[in-house]
N, C-alpha and C. Protein backbone atom coordinates (compact mmCIF):
# COMPACT_ATOMS: atom_id res chain seq x y z
N UNK A 1 -13.74 20.97 18.12
CA UNK A 1 -14.80 20.50 18.98
C UNK A 1 -15.05 19.03 18.68
N UNK A 2 -15.21 18.25 19.71
CA UNK A 2 -15.48 16.82 19.57
C UNK A 2 -16.98 16.59 19.52
N UNK A 3 -17.40 15.71 18.62
CA UNK A 3 -18.81 15.34 18.50
C UNK A 3 -19.00 13.99 19.17
N UNK A 4 -19.95 13.88 20.07
CA UNK A 4 -20.22 12.61 20.74
C UNK A 4 -21.18 11.79 19.91
N UNK A 5 -20.73 10.59 19.54
CA UNK A 5 -21.57 9.69 18.75
C UNK A 5 -22.63 9.09 19.66
N UNK A 6 -23.87 9.07 19.19
CA UNK A 6 -24.97 8.45 19.92
C UNK A 6 -24.85 6.94 19.73
N UNK A 7 -24.23 6.27 20.69
CA UNK A 7 -23.93 4.84 20.57
C UNK A 7 -25.19 3.98 20.53
N UNK A 8 -26.26 4.41 21.20
CA UNK A 8 -27.51 3.65 21.15
C UNK A 8 -28.10 3.69 19.74
N UNK A 9 -28.12 4.87 19.13
CA UNK A 9 -28.63 4.98 17.75
C UNK A 9 -27.74 4.22 16.79
N UNK A 10 -26.42 4.28 17.02
CA UNK A 10 -25.50 3.55 16.16
C UNK A 10 -25.75 2.05 16.26
N UNK A 11 -25.89 1.55 17.46
CA UNK A 11 -26.15 0.11 17.66
C UNK A 11 -27.46 -0.31 16.98
N UNK A 12 -28.50 0.50 17.13
CA UNK A 12 -29.78 0.18 16.49
C UNK A 12 -29.66 0.20 14.96
N UNK A 13 -28.92 1.16 14.44
CA UNK A 13 -28.76 1.30 13.00
C UNK A 13 -28.00 0.13 12.40
N UNK A 14 -27.02 -0.40 13.12
CA UNK A 14 -26.19 -1.49 12.60
C UNK A 14 -27.00 -2.75 12.25
N UNK A 15 -28.16 -2.91 12.85
CA UNK A 15 -28.98 -4.09 12.57
C UNK A 15 -29.39 -4.17 11.10
N UNK A 16 -29.36 -3.04 10.41
CA UNK A 16 -29.78 -3.00 9.00
C UNK A 16 -28.63 -3.26 8.02
N UNK A 17 -27.43 -3.51 8.53
CA UNK A 17 -26.25 -3.62 7.67
C UNK A 17 -25.49 -4.92 7.95
N UNK A 18 -25.34 -5.80 6.94
CA UNK A 18 -24.71 -7.09 7.16
C UNK A 18 -23.17 -7.06 7.23
N UNK A 19 -22.53 -6.08 6.59
CA UNK A 19 -21.07 -6.02 6.61
C UNK A 19 -20.63 -4.59 6.33
N UNK A 20 -19.34 -4.35 6.57
CA UNK A 20 -18.77 -3.02 6.34
C UNK A 20 -17.47 -3.16 5.54
N UNK A 21 -17.02 -2.04 5.03
CA UNK A 21 -15.68 -1.95 4.47
C UNK A 21 -14.82 -1.16 5.46
N UNK A 22 -13.64 -1.69 5.77
CA UNK A 22 -12.66 -0.98 6.58
C UNK A 22 -11.71 -0.27 5.64
N UNK A 23 -11.58 1.04 5.80
CA UNK A 23 -10.68 1.84 4.97
C UNK A 23 -9.53 2.32 5.84
N UNK A 24 -8.33 1.88 5.50
CA UNK A 24 -7.12 2.32 6.19
C UNK A 24 -6.19 2.93 5.14
N UNK A 25 -5.10 3.54 5.59
CA UNK A 25 -4.08 4.04 4.68
C UNK A 25 -2.72 3.54 5.12
N UNK A 26 -1.85 3.33 4.12
CA UNK A 26 -0.48 2.94 4.39
C UNK A 26 0.42 4.15 4.48
N UNK A 27 1.72 3.91 4.56
CA UNK A 27 2.67 5.01 4.65
C UNK A 27 2.67 5.89 3.41
N UNK A 28 2.20 5.35 2.28
CA UNK A 28 2.10 6.14 1.05
C UNK A 28 0.76 6.88 0.98
N UNK A 29 -0.09 6.72 2.00
CA UNK A 29 -1.41 7.34 2.13
C UNK A 29 -2.38 6.92 1.03
N UNK A 30 -2.13 5.75 0.43
CA UNK A 30 -3.10 5.17 -0.48
C UNK A 30 -4.08 4.35 0.33
N UNK A 31 -5.33 4.43 -0.06
CA UNK A 31 -6.37 3.71 0.68
C UNK A 31 -6.24 2.20 0.45
N UNK A 32 -6.48 1.46 1.53
CA UNK A 32 -6.56 0.00 1.49
C UNK A 32 -7.93 -0.34 2.07
N UNK A 33 -8.76 -1.04 1.30
CA UNK A 33 -10.14 -1.29 1.68
C UNK A 33 -10.41 -2.79 1.68
N UNK A 34 -10.98 -3.27 2.79
CA UNK A 34 -11.33 -4.69 2.91
C UNK A 34 -12.72 -4.82 3.53
N UNK A 35 -13.41 -5.89 3.17
CA UNK A 35 -14.71 -6.19 3.77
C UNK A 35 -14.48 -6.78 5.16
N UNK A 36 -15.38 -6.43 6.09
CA UNK A 36 -15.27 -6.91 7.46
C UNK A 36 -16.65 -6.94 8.11
N UNK A 37 -16.75 -7.62 9.22
CA UNK A 37 -18.00 -7.65 10.00
C UNK A 37 -17.70 -7.21 11.43
N UNK A 38 -17.50 -5.91 11.63
CA UNK A 38 -17.17 -5.42 12.98
C UNK A 38 -18.36 -5.60 13.93
N UNK A 39 -18.03 -5.86 15.18
CA UNK A 39 -19.04 -6.04 16.22
C UNK A 39 -18.89 -4.91 17.22
N UNK A 40 -19.99 -4.19 17.49
CA UNK A 40 -19.99 -3.09 18.45
C UNK A 40 -20.32 -3.64 19.83
N UNK A 41 -19.36 -3.53 20.75
CA UNK A 41 -19.54 -3.98 22.13
C UNK A 41 -19.03 -2.89 23.07
N UNK A 42 -19.88 -2.46 23.99
CA UNK A 42 -19.50 -1.43 24.96
C UNK A 42 -18.91 -0.19 24.28
N UNK A 43 -19.50 0.21 23.15
CA UNK A 43 -19.11 1.44 22.49
C UNK A 43 -17.86 1.36 21.64
N UNK A 44 -17.33 0.15 21.43
CA UNK A 44 -16.11 -0.02 20.63
C UNK A 44 -16.33 -1.15 19.62
N UNK A 45 -15.88 -0.94 18.39
CA UNK A 45 -15.96 -1.99 17.38
C UNK A 45 -14.79 -2.95 17.51
N UNK A 46 -15.07 -4.24 17.45
CA UNK A 46 -14.03 -5.26 17.38
C UNK A 46 -14.02 -5.78 15.96
N UNK A 47 -12.88 -5.67 15.28
CA UNK A 47 -12.78 -6.10 13.89
C UNK A 47 -12.59 -7.61 13.75
N UNK A 48 -12.11 -8.26 14.81
CA UNK A 48 -11.77 -9.66 14.68
C UNK A 48 -10.51 -9.80 13.84
N UNK A 49 -10.25 -11.02 13.33
CA UNK A 49 -9.03 -11.23 12.55
C UNK A 49 -9.05 -10.44 11.24
N UNK A 50 -7.89 -9.94 10.86
CA UNK A 50 -7.74 -9.23 9.59
C UNK A 50 -6.32 -9.45 9.08
N UNK A 51 -6.08 -9.06 7.83
CA UNK A 51 -4.82 -9.36 7.17
C UNK A 51 -3.65 -8.48 7.58
N UNK A 52 -2.50 -8.82 7.02
CA UNK A 52 -1.26 -8.14 7.36
C UNK A 52 -1.22 -6.69 6.95
N UNK A 53 -1.75 -6.36 5.77
CA UNK A 53 -1.74 -4.96 5.33
C UNK A 53 -2.62 -4.11 6.23
N UNK A 54 -3.82 -4.61 6.52
CA UNK A 54 -4.71 -3.87 7.43
C UNK A 54 -4.07 -3.70 8.80
N UNK A 55 -3.47 -4.75 9.33
CA UNK A 55 -2.83 -4.68 10.65
C UNK A 55 -1.72 -3.64 10.67
N UNK A 56 -0.87 -3.64 9.64
CA UNK A 56 0.22 -2.67 9.57
C UNK A 56 -0.32 -1.25 9.46
N UNK A 57 -1.35 -1.07 8.62
CA UNK A 57 -1.93 0.26 8.46
C UNK A 57 -2.58 0.76 9.75
N UNK A 58 -3.30 -0.13 10.44
CA UNK A 58 -3.95 0.25 11.71
C UNK A 58 -2.92 0.70 12.74
N UNK A 59 -1.79 0.02 12.78
CA UNK A 59 -0.74 0.36 13.74
C UNK A 59 -0.06 1.68 13.40
N UNK A 60 0.18 1.92 12.12
CA UNK A 60 0.91 3.12 11.69
C UNK A 60 0.02 4.35 11.59
N UNK A 61 -1.23 4.15 11.20
CA UNK A 61 -2.16 5.27 10.96
C UNK A 61 -3.52 4.89 11.55
N UNK A 62 -3.72 5.15 12.84
CA UNK A 62 -4.92 4.64 13.53
C UNK A 62 -6.24 5.34 13.19
N UNK A 63 -6.21 6.45 12.45
CA UNK A 63 -7.47 7.08 12.05
C UNK A 63 -8.02 6.32 10.85
N UNK A 64 -9.22 5.73 11.01
CA UNK A 64 -9.79 4.85 10.00
C UNK A 64 -11.25 5.19 9.74
N UNK A 65 -11.79 4.58 8.70
CA UNK A 65 -13.20 4.74 8.38
C UNK A 65 -13.81 3.37 8.13
N UNK A 66 -15.01 3.17 8.67
CA UNK A 66 -15.83 1.99 8.37
C UNK A 66 -17.01 2.46 7.55
N UNK A 67 -17.30 1.74 6.45
CA UNK A 67 -18.38 2.12 5.54
C UNK A 67 -19.30 0.92 5.34
N UNK A 68 -20.55 1.05 5.75
CA UNK A 68 -21.56 0.01 5.54
C UNK A 68 -22.40 0.43 4.34
N UNK A 69 -22.35 -0.31 3.23
CA UNK A 69 -23.17 0.06 2.07
C UNK A 69 -24.65 -0.23 2.34
N UNK A 70 -25.53 0.49 1.65
CA UNK A 70 -26.96 0.24 1.84
C UNK A 70 -27.36 -1.11 1.25
N UNK A 71 -28.37 -1.72 1.86
CA UNK A 71 -28.90 -2.98 1.33
C UNK A 71 -29.60 -2.77 0.00
N UNK A 72 -30.29 -1.65 -0.12
CA UNK A 72 -31.12 -1.38 -1.29
C UNK A 72 -30.67 -0.10 -1.98
N UNK A 73 -30.82 -0.04 -3.32
CA UNK A 73 -30.54 1.22 -4.02
C UNK A 73 -31.38 2.35 -3.41
N UNK A 74 -30.76 3.48 -3.22
CA UNK A 74 -31.46 4.62 -2.64
C UNK A 74 -31.42 4.64 -1.13
N UNK A 75 -30.89 3.58 -0.51
CA UNK A 75 -30.77 3.53 0.94
C UNK A 75 -29.58 4.34 1.42
N UNK A 76 -29.48 4.44 2.73
CA UNK A 76 -28.38 5.20 3.34
C UNK A 76 -27.13 4.34 3.47
N UNK A 77 -25.98 4.94 3.22
CA UNK A 77 -24.68 4.38 3.56
C UNK A 77 -24.37 4.85 4.98
N UNK A 78 -23.91 3.94 5.83
CA UNK A 78 -23.48 4.30 7.18
C UNK A 78 -21.97 4.47 7.15
N UNK A 79 -21.50 5.65 7.55
CA UNK A 79 -20.07 5.96 7.56
C UNK A 79 -19.66 6.30 8.98
N UNK A 80 -18.65 5.58 9.49
CA UNK A 80 -18.15 5.81 10.85
C UNK A 80 -16.65 6.07 10.77
N UNK A 81 -16.24 7.25 11.24
CA UNK A 81 -14.82 7.55 11.39
C UNK A 81 -14.43 7.19 12.81
N UNK A 82 -13.24 6.63 12.96
CA UNK A 82 -12.84 6.22 14.30
C UNK A 82 -11.34 6.17 14.46
N UNK A 83 -10.94 5.80 15.68
CA UNK A 83 -9.52 5.67 16.04
C UNK A 83 -9.29 4.23 16.46
N UNK A 84 -8.31 3.59 15.81
CA UNK A 84 -8.01 2.19 16.06
C UNK A 84 -6.96 2.04 17.16
N UNK A 85 -7.14 0.98 17.93
CA UNK A 85 -6.13 0.51 18.89
C UNK A 85 -6.08 -1.00 18.67
N UNK A 86 -5.12 -1.42 17.85
CA UNK A 86 -5.10 -2.83 17.45
C UNK A 86 -6.30 -3.10 16.57
N UNK A 87 -7.07 -4.12 16.91
CA UNK A 87 -8.25 -4.47 16.11
C UNK A 87 -9.54 -3.88 16.68
N UNK A 88 -9.41 -2.91 17.59
CA UNK A 88 -10.58 -2.26 18.19
C UNK A 88 -10.64 -0.82 17.70
N UNK A 89 -11.86 -0.38 17.35
CA UNK A 89 -12.04 0.97 16.81
C UNK A 89 -13.07 1.72 17.65
N UNK A 90 -12.68 2.86 18.15
CA UNK A 90 -13.59 3.74 18.89
C UNK A 90 -14.23 4.71 17.91
N UNK A 91 -15.57 4.69 17.81
CA UNK A 91 -16.23 5.62 16.87
C UNK A 91 -16.10 7.06 17.34
N UNK A 92 -15.73 7.95 16.42
CA UNK A 92 -15.60 9.37 16.72
C UNK A 92 -16.64 10.21 15.99
N UNK A 93 -17.13 9.70 14.87
CA UNK A 93 -18.15 10.40 14.08
C UNK A 93 -18.93 9.35 13.30
N UNK A 94 -20.23 9.51 13.22
CA UNK A 94 -21.06 8.58 12.47
C UNK A 94 -22.15 9.35 11.74
N UNK A 95 -22.40 8.95 10.49
CA UNK A 95 -23.42 9.63 9.69
C UNK A 95 -24.05 8.63 8.73
N UNK A 96 -25.34 8.79 8.54
CA UNK A 96 -26.06 8.09 7.47
C UNK A 96 -26.06 9.05 6.28
N UNK A 97 -25.70 8.55 5.10
CA UNK A 97 -25.49 9.43 3.96
C UNK A 97 -26.02 8.80 2.68
N UNK A 98 -26.66 9.61 1.86
CA UNK A 98 -27.07 9.20 0.51
C UNK A 98 -27.24 10.46 -0.32
N UNK A 99 -27.19 10.32 -1.65
CA UNK A 99 -27.43 11.49 -2.49
C UNK A 99 -28.84 12.02 -2.27
N UNK A 100 -28.95 13.32 -2.26
CA UNK A 100 -30.28 13.94 -2.09
C UNK A 100 -31.08 13.81 -3.38
N UNK A 101 -32.36 13.62 -3.23
CA UNK A 101 -33.26 13.63 -4.39
C UNK A 101 -33.30 15.04 -4.96
N UNK A 102 -33.44 15.16 -6.26
CA UNK A 102 -33.51 16.51 -6.86
C UNK A 102 -34.59 17.36 -6.19
N UNK A 103 -34.19 18.55 -5.77
CA UNK A 103 -35.13 19.48 -5.16
C UNK A 103 -35.43 19.22 -3.70
N UNK A 104 -34.89 18.16 -3.12
CA UNK A 104 -35.16 17.84 -1.71
C UNK A 104 -34.35 18.77 -0.81
N UNK A 105 -34.91 19.16 0.34
CA UNK A 105 -34.15 19.99 1.27
C UNK A 105 -33.00 19.19 1.88
N UNK A 106 -31.90 19.88 2.17
CA UNK A 106 -30.73 19.25 2.78
C UNK A 106 -30.32 20.00 4.03
N UNK A 107 -29.48 19.37 4.85
CA UNK A 107 -28.96 20.03 6.04
C UNK A 107 -27.99 21.13 5.64
N UNK A 108 -27.89 22.19 6.42
CA UNK A 108 -26.90 23.22 6.12
C UNK A 108 -25.50 22.62 6.06
N UNK A 109 -24.75 23.00 5.03
CA UNK A 109 -23.38 22.52 4.89
C UNK A 109 -23.25 21.18 4.20
N UNK A 110 -24.36 20.58 3.79
CA UNK A 110 -24.31 19.28 3.12
C UNK A 110 -25.23 19.34 1.90
N UNK A 111 -24.71 18.99 0.75
CA UNK A 111 -25.53 19.02 -0.47
C UNK A 111 -26.32 17.73 -0.64
N UNK A 112 -26.05 16.75 0.21
CA UNK A 112 -26.71 15.46 0.13
C UNK A 112 -27.63 15.24 1.33
N UNK A 113 -28.20 14.06 1.40
CA UNK A 113 -29.10 13.69 2.49
C UNK A 113 -28.26 13.06 3.60
N UNK A 114 -27.88 13.85 4.60
CA UNK A 114 -27.00 13.41 5.68
C UNK A 114 -27.74 13.42 7.01
N UNK A 115 -27.56 12.36 7.79
CA UNK A 115 -28.16 12.28 9.11
C UNK A 115 -27.11 11.86 10.13
N UNK A 116 -26.45 12.84 10.77
CA UNK A 116 -25.44 12.50 11.77
C UNK A 116 -26.05 11.73 12.94
N UNK A 117 -25.31 10.76 13.43
CA UNK A 117 -25.73 9.99 14.62
C UNK A 117 -24.93 10.53 15.80
N UNK A 118 -25.35 11.69 16.28
CA UNK A 118 -24.63 12.34 17.36
C UNK A 118 -25.57 12.74 18.47
N UNK A 119 -24.97 12.97 19.62
CA UNK A 119 -25.73 13.41 20.80
C UNK A 119 -25.76 14.93 20.79
N UNK A 120 -26.94 15.48 21.00
CA UNK A 120 -27.05 16.93 21.11
C UNK A 120 -27.29 17.51 19.80
């Protein structure tokens, strides 16, 4: 089943995050992680210029993850899984995530404090 990302909520949430990490994999399936400042336009992230390793990985293995770290300790990390087409990434799943406080209630199926940014 496909989950529809709430692009309006995603766009609003991005205002709190100055940069992201792009996580790709090579043919050996080892992660390659670089800092980037993706721009969300019309529901698609534009990565702008990036290096040779990232470009090769995006072309060979288009399923990628963008990770925006929290500004403050205890804040949410924004995690977006997507599909790349060149330097453009279509978001397929988005979640705000942080460790749950001891004894705090959590969503079913998640031991941490997770807030999916999805429609429905």
